[in-house]
Amino acid sequence: MYFSREVRLKRALKTALICLGITTLCVCIPGAHFLLVPTGILLTPFVVLKTYRVTTSLVGASVRCAACGGELTRLSSQERYPLYETCITCGRENRIVSHS
């Protein structure tokens, strides 16, 4: 599934609100809020940027290892292609690309 620019922006804004909401709740934690609140404020833009950069979502896939033929199963992913999956049978790293 590919995300349009508008959908990516909505997802990024939702992530920002969640991060800032959690940061706001951290104000109530005595002592720890001196570390948690600034950390939450500083990390929010990075989490939002990472969320915005996700252009595809893999719902499920099953592919074979190029070396041994073992099955590589990936249930879900919201990463950028190419994906790298390590075979549990032989330990070789496999590169997964999108052809759609």
Protein backbone atom coordinates (compact mmCIF):
# COMPACT_ATOMS: atom_id res chain seq x y z
CA MET A 1 0.00 0.00 0.00
CA TYR A 2 1.39 3.40 -0.95
CA PHE A 3 0.64 6.50 1.11
CA SER A 4 -0.16 9.76 -0.66
CA ARG A 5 1.35 13.01 0.55
CA GLU A 6 -1.90 13.94 2.30
CA VAL A 7 -2.14 10.62 4.14
CA ARG A 8 1.51 10.86 5.19
CA LEU A 9 0.90 14.36 6.51
CA LYS A 10 -2.16 13.23 8.50
CA ARG A 11 -0.20 10.31 9.95
CA ALA A 12 2.68 12.62 10.90
CA LEU A 13 0.33 15.10 12.60
CA LYS A 14 -1.36 12.27 14.50
CA THR A 15 2.06 11.05 15.64
CA ALA A 16 2.99 14.57 16.75
CA LEU A 17 -0.18 14.88 18.82
CA ILE A 18 0.42 11.50 20.45
CA CYS A 19 4.05 12.32 21.27
CA LEU A 20 3.19 15.73 22.67
CA GLY A 21 0.26 14.23 24.62
CA ILE A 22 2.56 11.71 26.26
CA THR A 23 5.07 14.48 26.96
CA THR A 24 2.31 16.54 28.58
CA LEU A 25 1.36 13.60 30.80
CA CYS A 26 5.00 13.30 31.88
CA VAL A 27 4.67 16.70 33.60
CA CYS A 28 2.71 14.90 36.34
CA ILE A 29 5.61 12.58 37.25
CA PRO A 30 7.53 14.19 40.13
CA GLY A 31 11.26 14.39 39.64
CA ALA A 32 11.38 12.45 36.38
CA HIS A 33 9.58 15.22 34.49
CA PHE A 34 12.81 17.26 34.47
CA LEU A 35 14.25 14.65 32.10
CA LEU A 36 11.14 13.26 30.38
CA VAL A 37 9.52 16.50 29.22
CA PRO A 38 12.59 18.00 27.47
CA THR A 39 13.39 14.60 25.95
CA GLY A 40 9.84 14.27 24.63
CA ILE A 41 9.91 17.76 23.17
CA LEU A 42 13.27 17.17 21.48
CA LEU A 43 12.41 13.72 20.11
CA THR A 44 8.96 14.58 18.74
CA PRO A 45 10.24 16.22 15.49
CA PHE A 46 12.46 13.22 14.73
CA VAL A 47 9.62 10.72 15.29
CA VAL A 48 7.29 12.84 13.16
CA LEU A 49 9.86 13.09 10.35
CA LYS A 50 10.42 9.33 10.41
CA THR A 51 6.64 8.77 10.25
CA TYR A 52 6.26 11.23 7.36
CA ARG A 53 9.01 9.54 5.34
CA VAL A 54 7.20 6.19 5.36
CA THR A 55 5.74 5.92 1.87
CA THR A 56 4.58 2.30 1.87
CA SER A 57 3.10 -0.26 4.21
CA LEU A 58 3.60 -3.97 3.70
CA VAL A 59 0.61 -5.85 5.08
CA GLY A 60 2.05 -9.33 4.66
CA ALA A 61 4.58 -11.18 2.55
CA SER A 62 6.14 -14.57 2.21
CA VAL A 63 9.31 -14.99 0.16
CA ARG A 64 12.06 -17.59 -0.17
CA CYS A 65 15.68 -17.18 0.90
CA ALA A 66 17.98 -16.80 -2.11
CA ALA A 67 20.65 -19.05 -0.58
CA CYS A 68 18.82 -21.99 1.04
CA GLY A 69 15.19 -21.65 -0.09
CA GLY A 70 13.92 -21.24 3.48
CA GLU A 71 10.75 -19.24 3.97
CA LEU A 72 11.04 -15.61 5.09
CA THR A 73 7.79 -14.32 6.51
CA ARG A 74 7.18 -10.67 7.22
CA LEU A 75 3.78 -9.96 8.74
CA SER A 76 3.86 -6.18 8.56
CA SER A 77 6.28 -3.40 7.85
CA GLN A 78 6.22 0.33 7.49
CA GLU A 79 9.73 0.85 6.32
CA ARG A 80 11.27 2.13 3.16
CA TYR A 81 12.32 -0.27 0.43
CA PRO A 82 14.54 -2.18 0.05
CA LEU A 83 13.83 -4.27 3.16
CA TYR A 84 16.45 -6.57 4.63
CA GLU A 85 15.39 -9.81 6.29
CA THR A 86 17.74 -12.37 7.84
CA CYS A 87 17.00 -16.03 7.13
CA ILE A 88 16.61 -18.03 10.33
CA THR A 89 17.77 -21.21 8.57
CA CYS A 90 21.09 -20.12 7.08
CA GLY A 91 21.60 -16.66 8.61
CA ARG A 92 22.00 -14.92 5.24
CA GLU A 93 20.61 -11.41 4.85
CA ASN A 94 18.11 -11.11 1.98
CA ARG A 95 17.14 -7.92 0.18
CA ILE A 96 13.41 -7.50 -0.50
CA VAL A 97 12.32 -4.94 -3.11
CA SER A 98 8.90 -3.75 -4.24
CA HIS A 99 7.90 -4.32 -7.85
CA SER A 100 4.53 -2.57 -7.73
